[in-house]
Each structure stands twice: as C-alpha cells, then as structure tokens.
PDB file of all heavy atoms in Angstrom:
ATOM      1  N   GLY A   1      -5.606  19.810  -8.072  1.00  0.00           N
ATOM      2  CA  GLY A   1      -6.919  19.424  -7.524  1.00  0.00           C
ATOM      3  C   GLY A   1      -8.025  19.913  -8.425  1.00  0.00           C
ATOM      4  O   GLY A   1      -7.811  20.321  -9.532  1.00  0.00           O
ATOM      5  N   PRO A   2      -9.230  19.860  -7.875  1.00  0.00           N
ATOM      6  CA  PRO A   2      -9.583  19.375  -6.556  1.00  0.00           C
ATOM      7  C   PRO A   2      -9.292  17.866  -6.356  1.00  0.00           C
ATOM      8  O   PRO A   2      -9.356  17.114  -7.270  1.00  0.00           O
ATOM      9  CB  PRO A   2     -11.109  19.651  -6.461  1.00  0.00           C
ATOM     10  CG  PRO A   2     -11.396  20.609  -7.550  1.00  0.00           C
ATOM     11  CD  PRO A   2     -10.422  20.363  -8.617  1.00  0.00           C
ATOM     12  N   ILE A   3      -8.947  17.536  -5.118  1.00  0.00           N
ATOM     13  CA  ILE A   3      -8.649  16.143  -4.734  1.00  0.00           C
ATOM     14  C   ILE A   3      -9.809  15.538  -4.010  1.00  0.00           C
ATOM     15  O   ILE A   3     -10.428  16.129  -3.111  1.00  0.00           O
ATOM     16  CB  ILE A   3      -7.404  16.105  -3.802  1.00  0.00           C
ATOM     17  CG1 ILE A   3      -6.184  16.763  -4.449  1.00  0.00           C
ATOM     18  CG2 ILE A   3      -7.135  14.684  -3.341  1.00  0.00           C
ATOM     19  CD1 ILE A   3      -5.613  15.957  -5.599  1.00  0.00           C
ATOM     20  N   HIS A   4     -10.170  14.326  -4.460  1.00  0.00           N
ATOM     21  CA  HIS A   4     -11.180  13.536  -3.740  1.00  0.00           C
ATOM     22  C   HIS A   4     -10.636  12.111  -3.678  1.00  0.00           C
ATOM     23  O   HIS A   4     -10.373  11.505  -4.749  1.00  0.00           O
ATOM     24  CB  HIS A   4     -12.495  13.533  -4.425  1.00  0.00           C
ATOM     25  CG  HIS A   4     -13.550  12.701  -3.745  1.00  0.00           C
ATOM     26  ND1 HIS A   4     -14.749  12.289  -4.392  1.00  0.00           N
ATOM     27  CD2 HIS A   4     -13.672  12.222  -2.479  1.00  0.00           C
ATOM     28  CE1 HIS A   4     -15.481  11.591  -3.553  1.00  0.00           C
ATOM     29  NE2 HIS A   4     -14.847  11.517  -2.402  1.00  0.00           N
ATOM     30  N   ALA A   5     -10.329  11.594  -2.501  1.00  0.00           N
ATOM     31  CA  ALA A   5      -9.746  10.278  -2.335  1.00  0.00           C
ATOM     32  C   ALA A   5     -10.387   9.543  -1.203  1.00  0.00           C
ATOM     33  O   ALA A   5     -10.813  10.111  -0.223  1.00  0.00           O
ATOM     34  CB  ALA A   5      -8.230  10.400  -2.095  1.00  0.00           C
ATOM     35  N   ILE A   6     -10.437   8.211  -1.387  1.00  0.00           N
ATOM     36  CA  ILE A   6     -10.917   7.270  -0.353  1.00  0.00           C
ATOM     37  C   ILE A   6      -9.707   6.393  -0.009  1.00  0.00           C
ATOM     38  O   ILE A   6      -9.037   5.928  -0.902  1.00  0.00           O
ATOM     39  CB  ILE A   6     -12.046   6.372  -0.893  1.00  0.00           C
ATOM     40  CG1 ILE A   6     -13.119   7.207  -1.551  1.00  0.00           C
ATOM     41  CG2 ILE A   6     -12.640   5.546   0.264  1.00  0.00           C
ATOM     42  CD1 ILE A   6     -13.847   8.157  -0.679  1.00  0.00           C
ATOM     43  N   GLY A   7      -9.460   6.174   1.258  1.00  0.00           N
ATOM     44  CA  GLY A   7      -8.339   5.364   1.647  1.00  0.00           C
ATOM     45  C   GLY A   7      -8.525   4.526   2.835  1.00  0.00           C
ATOM     46  O   GLY A   7      -9.511   4.660   3.616  1.00  0.00           O
ATOM     47  N   ALA A   8      -7.602   3.579   3.003  1.00  0.00           N
ATOM     48  CA  ALA A   8      -7.568   2.692   4.180  1.00  0.00           C
ATOM     49  C   ALA A   8      -6.145   2.522   4.603  1.00  0.00           C
ATOM     50  O   ALA A   8      -5.225   2.295   3.787  1.00  0.00           O
ATOM     51  CB  ALA A   8      -8.153   1.354   3.823  1.00  0.00           C
ATOM     52  N   GLY A   9      -5.896   2.666   5.894  1.00  0.00           N
ATOM     53  CA  GLY A   9      -4.597   2.249   6.463  1.00  0.00           C
ATOM     54  C   GLY A   9      -4.519   0.751   6.508  1.00  0.00           C
ATOM     55  O   GLY A   9      -5.487   0.089   6.957  1.00  0.00           O
ATOM     56  N   LEU A  10      -3.385   0.172   6.108  1.00  0.00           N
ATOM     57  CA  LEU A  10      -3.240  -1.276   6.053  1.00  0.00           C
ATOM     58  C   LEU A  10      -2.417  -1.741   7.260  1.00  0.00           C
ATOM     59  O   LEU A  10      -1.362  -1.239   7.520  1.00  0.00           O
ATOM     60  CB  LEU A  10      -2.562  -1.695   4.758  1.00  0.00           C
ATOM     61  CG  LEU A  10      -3.267  -1.405   3.447  1.00  0.00           C
ATOM     62  CD1 LEU A  10      -2.429  -1.838   2.249  1.00  0.00           C
ATOM     63  CD2 LEU A  10      -4.610  -2.062   3.426  1.00  0.00           C
ATOM     64  N   GLN A  11      -2.989  -2.728   7.961  1.00  0.00           N
ATOM     65  CA  GLN A  11      -2.210  -3.335   9.083  1.00  0.00           C
ATOM     66  C   GLN A  11      -1.190  -4.245   8.469  1.00  0.00           C
ATOM     67  O   GLN A  11      -1.217  -4.646   7.308  1.00  0.00           O
ATOM     68  CB  GLN A  11      -3.217  -4.112   9.948  1.00  0.00           C
ATOM     69  CG  GLN A  11      -4.297  -3.310  10.615  1.00  0.00           C
ATOM     70  CD  GLN A  11      -3.807  -2.467  11.793  1.00  0.00           C
ATOM     71  OE1 GLN A  11      -2.686  -1.995  11.793  1.00  0.00           O
ATOM     72  NE2 GLN A  11      -4.607  -2.383  12.833  1.00  0.00           N
ATOM     73  N   PRO A  12      -0.182  -4.615   9.275  1.00  0.00           N
ATOM     74  CA  PRO A  12       0.967  -5.396   8.774  1.00  0.00           C
ATOM     75  C   PRO A  12       0.576  -6.644   8.040  1.00  0.00           C
ATOM     76  O   PRO A  12       1.138  -6.963   6.977  1.00  0.00           O
ATOM     77  CB  PRO A  12       1.779  -5.699  10.043  1.00  0.00           C
ATOM     78  CG  PRO A  12       1.475  -4.542  10.927  1.00  0.00           C
ATOM     79  CD  PRO A  12       0.052  -4.227  10.699  1.00  0.00           C
ATOM     80  N   ALA A  13      -0.390  -7.390   8.546  1.00  0.00           N
ATOM     81  CA  ALA A  13      -0.809  -8.659   7.903  1.00  0.00           C
ATOM     82  C   ALA A  13      -1.396  -8.406   6.539  1.00  0.00           C
ATOM     83  O   ALA A  13      -1.150  -9.146   5.567  1.00  0.00           O
ATOM     84  CB  ALA A  13      -1.793  -9.417   8.781  1.00  0.00           C
ATOM     85  N   ALA A  14      -2.192  -7.324   6.403  1.00  0.00           N
ATOM     86  CA  ALA A  14      -2.787  -7.017   5.112  1.00  0.00           C
ATOM     87  C   ALA A  14      -1.733  -6.611   4.105  1.00  0.00           C
ATOM     88  O   ALA A  14      -1.789  -6.976   2.914  1.00  0.00           O
ATOM     89  CB  ALA A  14      -3.848  -5.942   5.270  1.00  0.00           C
ATOM     90  N   TRP A  15      -0.759  -5.871   4.539  1.00  0.00           N
ATOM     91  CA  TRP A  15       0.309  -5.436   3.634  1.00  0.00           C
ATOM     92  C   TRP A  15       1.039  -6.587   2.983  1.00  0.00           C
ATOM     93  O   TRP A  15       1.223  -6.674   1.783  1.00  0.00           O
ATOM     94  CB  TRP A  15       1.277  -4.511   4.322  1.00  0.00           C
ATOM     95  CG  TRP A  15       2.441  -4.239   3.478  1.00  0.00           C
ATOM     96  CD1 TRP A  15       3.722  -4.794   3.593  1.00  0.00           C
ATOM     97  CD2 TRP A  15       2.540  -3.394   2.306  1.00  0.00           C
ATOM     98  NE1 TRP A  15       4.545  -4.336   2.568  1.00  0.00           N
ATOM     99  CE2 TRP A  15       3.825  -3.489   1.800  1.00  0.00           C
ATOM    100  CE3 TRP A  15       1.569  -2.590   1.692  1.00  0.00           C
ATOM    101  CZ2 TRP A  15       4.210  -2.729   0.688  1.00  0.00           C
ATOM    102  CZ3 TRP A  15       1.969  -1.828   0.587  1.00  0.00           C
ATOM    103  CH2 TRP A  15       3.257  -1.938   0.078  1.00  0.00           C
ATOM    104  N   VAL A  16       1.454  -7.556   3.827  1.00  0.00           N
ATOM    105  CA  VAL A  16       2.185  -8.708   3.303  1.00  0.00           C
ATOM    106  C   VAL A  16       1.275  -9.496   2.378  1.00  0.00           C
ATOM    107  O   VAL A  16       1.751 -10.053   1.376  1.00  0.00           O
ATOM    108  CB  VAL A  16       2.803  -9.509   4.433  1.00  0.00           C
ATOM    109  CG1 VAL A  16       3.405 -10.817   3.920  1.00  0.00           C
ATOM    110  CG2 VAL A  16       3.796  -8.744   5.200  1.00  0.00           C
ATOM    111  N   ALA A  17       0.050  -9.646   2.733  1.00  0.00           N
ATOM    112  CA  ALA A  17      -0.905 -10.392   1.872  1.00  0.00           C
ATOM    113  C   ALA A  17      -1.105  -9.693   0.516  1.00  0.00           C
ATOM    114  O   ALA A  17      -1.150 -10.335  -0.520  1.00  0.00           O
ATOM    115  CB  ALA A  17      -2.235 -10.547   2.578  1.00  0.00           C
ATOM    116  N   PHE A  18      -1.174  -8.361   0.574  1.00  0.00           N
ATOM    117  CA  PHE A  18      -1.323  -7.565  -0.709  1.00  0.00           C
ATOM    118  C   PHE A  18      -0.085  -7.818  -1.609  1.00  0.00           C
ATOM    119  O   PHE A  18      -0.242  -8.087  -2.820  1.00  0.00           O
ATOM    120  CB  PHE A  18      -1.367  -6.112  -0.312  1.00  0.00           C
ATOM    121  CG  PHE A  18      -2.753  -5.492  -0.429  1.00  0.00           C
ATOM    122  CD1 PHE A  18      -3.835  -6.183   0.118  1.00  0.00           C
ATOM    123  CD2 PHE A  18      -2.957  -4.266  -0.997  1.00  0.00           C
ATOM    124  CE1 PHE A  18      -5.067  -5.663   0.064  1.00  0.00           C
ATOM    125  CE2 PHE A  18      -4.219  -3.700  -1.018  1.00  0.00           C
ATOM    126  CZ  PHE A  18      -5.297  -4.402  -0.497  1.00  0.00           C
ATOM    127  N   MET A  19       1.107  -7.657  -1.073  1.00  0.00           N
ATOM    128  CA  MET A  19       2.310  -7.601  -1.861  1.00  0.00           C
ATOM    129  C   MET A  19       3.022  -8.933  -1.993  1.00  0.00           C
ATOM    130  O   MET A  19       3.923  -9.064  -2.829  1.00  0.00           O
ATOM    131  CB  MET A  19       3.242  -6.544  -1.316  1.00  0.00           C
ATOM    132  CG  MET A  19       2.604  -5.191  -1.174  1.00  0.00           C
ATOM    133  SD  MET A  19       1.831  -4.553  -2.721  1.00  0.00           S
ATOM    134  CE  MET A  19       3.308  -4.376  -3.734  1.00  0.00           C
ATOM    135  N   GLY A  20       2.702  -9.921  -1.138  1.00  0.00           N
ATOM    136  CA  GLY A  20       3.279 -11.205  -1.239  1.00  0.00           C
ATOM    137  C   GLY A  20       4.762 -11.256  -0.916  1.00  0.00           C
ATOM    138  O   GLY A  20       5.513 -12.108  -1.400  1.00  0.00           O
ATOM    139  N   GLY A  21       5.196 -10.308  -0.097  1.00  0.00           N
ATOM    140  CA  GLY A  21       6.636 -10.313   0.268  1.00  0.00           C
ATOM    141  C   GLY A  21       6.860  -9.305   1.366  1.00  0.00           C
ATOM    142  O   GLY A  21       5.945  -8.729   1.952  1.00  0.00           O
ATOM    143  N   ASP A  22       8.117  -9.190   1.784  1.00  0.00           N
ATOM    144  CA  ASP A  22       8.481  -8.341   2.948  1.00  0.00           C
ATOM    145  C   ASP A  22       8.119  -6.905   2.682  1.00  0.00           C
ATOM    146  O   ASP A  22       8.337  -6.327   1.608  1.00  0.00           O
ATOM    147  CB  ASP A  22       9.952  -8.465   3.205  1.00  0.00           C
ATOM    148  CG  ASP A  22      10.354  -9.820   3.726  1.00  0.00           C
ATOM    149  OD1 ASP A  22       9.473 -10.651   3.914  1.00  0.00           O
ATOM    150  OD2 ASP A  22      11.590 -10.084   3.951  1.00  0.00           O
ATOM    151  N   ALA A  23       7.615  -6.245   3.762  1.00  0.00           N
ATOM    152  CA  ALA A  23       7.296  -4.800   3.633  1.00  0.00           C
ATOM    153  C   ALA A  23       8.528  -3.974   3.411  1.00  0.00           C
ATOM    154  O   ALA A  23       8.465  -2.906   2.831  1.00  0.00           O
ATOM    155  CB  ALA A  23       6.563  -4.391   4.945  1.00  0.00           C
ATOM    156  N   GLU A  24       9.674  -4.431   3.854  1.00  0.00           N
ATOM    157  CA  GLU A  24      10.926  -3.669   3.678  1.00  0.00           C
ATOM    158  C   GLU A  24      11.221  -3.341   2.245  1.00  0.00           C
ATOM    159  O   GLU A  24      11.777  -2.313   1.912  1.00  0.00           O
ATOM    160  CB  GLU A  24      12.059  -4.447   4.301  1.00  0.00           C
ATOM    161  CG  GLU A  24      13.405  -3.671   4.316  1.00  0.00           C
ATOM    162  CD  GLU A  24      14.563  -4.479   4.846  1.00  0.00           C
ATOM    163  OE1 GLU A  24      14.505  -5.749   4.805  1.00  0.00           O
ATOM    164  OE2 GLU A  24      15.544  -3.872   5.289  1.00  0.00           O
ATOM    165  N   ARG A  25      10.812  -4.225   1.333  1.00  0.00           N
ATOM    166  CA  ARG A  25      11.069  -4.025  -0.087  1.00  0.00           C
ATOM    167  C   ARG A  25      10.322  -2.809  -0.628  1.00  0.00           C
ATOM    168  O   ARG A  25      10.717  -2.252  -1.682  1.00  0.00           O
ATOM    169  CB  ARG A  25      10.626  -5.242  -0.918  1.00  0.00           C
ATOM    170  CG  ARG A  25      11.452  -6.477  -0.661  1.00  0.00           C
ATOM    171  CD  ARG A  25      10.850  -7.628  -1.464  1.00  0.00           C
ATOM    172  NE  ARG A  25      10.612  -7.298  -2.859  1.00  0.00           N
ATOM    173  CZ  ARG A  25       9.720  -7.884  -3.638  1.00  0.00           C
ATOM    174  NH1 ARG A  25       8.932  -8.838  -3.144  1.00  0.00           N
ATOM    175  NH2 ARG A  25       9.575  -7.552  -4.916  1.00  0.00           N
ATOM    176  N   TRP A  26       9.256  -2.399   0.003  1.00  0.00           N
ATOM    177  CA  TRP A  26       8.389  -1.317  -0.494  1.00  0.00           C
ATOM    178  C   TRP A  26       8.354  -0.131   0.364  1.00  0.00           C
ATOM    179  O   TRP A  26       7.444   0.720   0.234  1.00  0.00           O
ATOM    180  CB  TRP A  26       6.984  -1.877  -0.733  1.00  0.00           C
ATOM    181  CG  TRP A  26       6.966  -3.043  -1.673  1.00  0.00           C
ATOM    182  CD1 TRP A  26       6.871  -4.362  -1.367  1.00  0.00           C
ATOM    183  CD2 TRP A  26       7.094  -2.974  -3.116  1.00  0.00           C
ATOM    184  NE1 TRP A  26       6.919  -5.139  -2.514  1.00  0.00           N
ATOM    185  CE2 TRP A  26       7.037  -4.327  -3.584  1.00  0.00           C
ATOM    186  CE3 TRP A  26       7.209  -1.951  -4.033  1.00  0.00           C
ATOM    187  CZ2 TRP A  26       7.129  -4.618  -4.950  1.00  0.00           C
ATOM    188  CZ3 TRP A  26       7.296  -2.259  -5.391  1.00  0.00           C
ATOM    189  CH2 TRP A  26       7.256  -3.550  -5.806  1.00  0.00           C
ATOM    190  N   VAL A  27       9.271   0.024   1.295  1.00  0.00           N
ATOM    191  CA  VAL A  27       9.342   1.231   2.113  1.00  0.00           C
ATOM    192  C   VAL A  27       9.585   2.436   1.216  1.00  0.00           C
ATOM    193  O   VAL A  27      10.414   2.406   0.328  1.00  0.00           O
ATOM    194  CB  VAL A  27      10.431   1.139   3.189  1.00  0.00           C
ATOM    195  CG1 VAL A  27      10.680   2.480   3.868  1.00  0.00           C
ATOM    196  CG2 VAL A  27      10.100   0.079   4.233  1.00  0.00           C
ATOM    197  N   ASP A  28       8.779   3.471   1.452  1.00  0.00           N
ATOM    198  CA  ASP A  28       8.935   4.751   0.723  1.00  0.00           C
ATOM    199  C   ASP A  28       8.744   4.560  -0.788  1.00  0.00           C
ATOM    200  O   ASP A  28       9.467   5.110  -1.593  1.00  0.00           O
ATOM    201  CB  ASP A  28      10.331   5.376   0.999  1.00  0.00           C
ATOM    202  CG  ASP A  28      10.508   5.822   2.392  1.00  0.00           C
ATOM    203  OD1 ASP A  28       9.488   6.117   3.091  1.00  0.00           O
ATOM    204  OD2 ASP A  28      11.690   5.935   2.857  1.00  0.00           O
ATOM    205  N   ARG A  29       7.737   3.851  -1.129  1.00  0.00           N
ATOM    206  CA  ARG A  29       7.372   3.722  -2.545  1.00  0.00           C
ATOM    207  C   ARG A  29       5.818   3.722  -2.702  1.00  0.00           C
ATOM    208  O   ARG A  29       5.101   3.268  -1.777  1.00  0.00           O
ATOM    209  CB  ARG A  29       7.891   2.415  -3.138  1.00  0.00           C
ATOM    210  CG  ARG A  29       9.424   2.310  -3.204  1.00  0.00           C
ATOM    211  CD  ARG A  29      10.085   3.474  -3.880  1.00  0.00           C
ATOM    212  NE  ARG A  29       9.619   3.697  -5.265  1.00  0.00           N
ATOM    213  CZ  ARG A  29      10.227   3.223  -6.349  1.00  0.00           C
ATOM    214  NH1 ARG A  29      11.334   2.493  -6.229  1.00  0.00           N
ATOM    215  NH2 ARG A  29       9.769   3.564  -7.553  1.00  0.00           N
ATOM    216  N   ALA A  30       5.349   4.160  -3.822  1.00  0.00           N
ATOM    217  CA  ALA A  30       3.947   4.058  -4.211  1.00  0.00           C
ATOM    218  C   ALA A  30       3.846   3.192  -5.445  1.00  0.00           C
ATOM    219  O   ALA A  30       4.645   3.335  -6.380  1.00  0.00           O
ATOM    220  CB  ALA A  30       3.321   5.441  -4.478  1.00  0.00           C
ATOM    221  N   ILE A  31       2.888   2.276  -5.448  1.00  0.00           N
ATOM    222  CA  ILE A  31       2.756   1.296  -6.516  1.00  0.00           C
ATOM    223  C   ILE A  31       1.392   1.399  -7.167  1.00  0.00           C
ATOM    224  O   ILE A  31       0.365   1.539  -6.460  1.00  0.00           O
ATOM    225  CB  ILE A  31       2.949  -0.134  -6.012  1.00  0.00           C
ATOM    226  CG1 ILE A  31       4.267  -0.250  -5.216  1.00  0.00           C
ATOM    227  CG2 ILE A  31       2.855  -1.147  -7.120  1.00  0.00           C
ATOM    228  CD1 ILE A  31       4.060  -0.252  -3.677  1.00  0.00           C
ATOM    229  N   ASP A  32       1.325   1.393  -8.457  1.00  0.00           N
ATOM    230  CA  ASP A  32       0.050   1.324  -9.171  1.00  0.00           C
ATOM    231  C   ASP A  32      -0.602   0.001  -8.885  1.00  0.00           C
ATOM    232  O   ASP A  32      -0.044  -1.081  -9.122  1.00  0.00           O
ATOM    233  CB  ASP A  32       0.321   1.447 -10.712  1.00  0.00           C
ATOM    234  CG  ASP A  32      -0.970   1.551 -11.536  1.00  0.00           C
ATOM    235  OD1 ASP A  32      -2.028   1.137 -11.018  1.00  0.00           O
ATOM    236  OD2 ASP A  32      -0.880   2.016 -12.681  1.00  0.00           O
ATOM    237  N   ALA A  33      -1.818  -0.008  -8.288  1.00  0.00           N
ATOM    238  CA  ALA A  33      -2.489  -1.214  -7.875  1.00  0.00           C
ATOM    239  C   ALA A  33      -2.755  -2.152  -9.021  1.00  0.00           C
ATOM    240  O   ALA A  33      -2.950  -3.378  -8.844  1.00  0.00           O
ATOM    241  CB  ALA A  33      -3.735  -0.916  -7.088  1.00  0.00           C
ATOM    242  N   ARG A  34      -2.773  -1.621 -10.239  1.00  0.00           N
ATOM    243  CA  ARG A  34      -2.988  -2.446 -11.436  1.00  0.00           C
ATOM    244  C   ARG A  34      -1.824  -3.442 -11.593  1.00  0.00           C
ATOM    245  O   ARG A  34      -2.038  -4.511 -12.219  1.00  0.00           O
ATOM    246  CB  ARG A  34      -3.185  -1.608 -12.660  1.00  0.00           C
ATOM    247  CG  ARG A  34      -4.573  -0.910 -12.715  1.00  0.00           C
ATOM    248  CD  ARG A  34      -4.636   0.108 -13.862  1.00  0.00           C
ATOM    249  NE  ARG A  34      -3.817   1.261 -13.580  1.00  0.00           N
ATOM    250  CZ  ARG A  34      -3.894   2.426 -14.299  1.00  0.00           C
ATOM    251  NH1 ARG A  34      -4.721   2.504 -15.299  1.00  0.00           N
ATOM    252  NH2 ARG A  34      -3.126   3.448 -13.973  1.00  0.00           N
TER     253      ARG A  34
END
C-alpha cells in the first residue's frame, strides 16, 4: 500500500455484457480490463 481503489459490484446482466460469455468461465479469476 497505501491502497486507493474505486469499485462497482456488477449485476449478472452487466457481467455477461462485459465478458461476452458465461460467468462460469470466469469464476475465481481476475482479468486485466485492457
């Protein structure tokens, strides 16, 4: 740290729109948004 972060919880519809596929594929993973 120090840590400073801004975040949003994503609802199910937003998640699928973000990733273009099933949420199951990305359970327990972090992805570089780039």
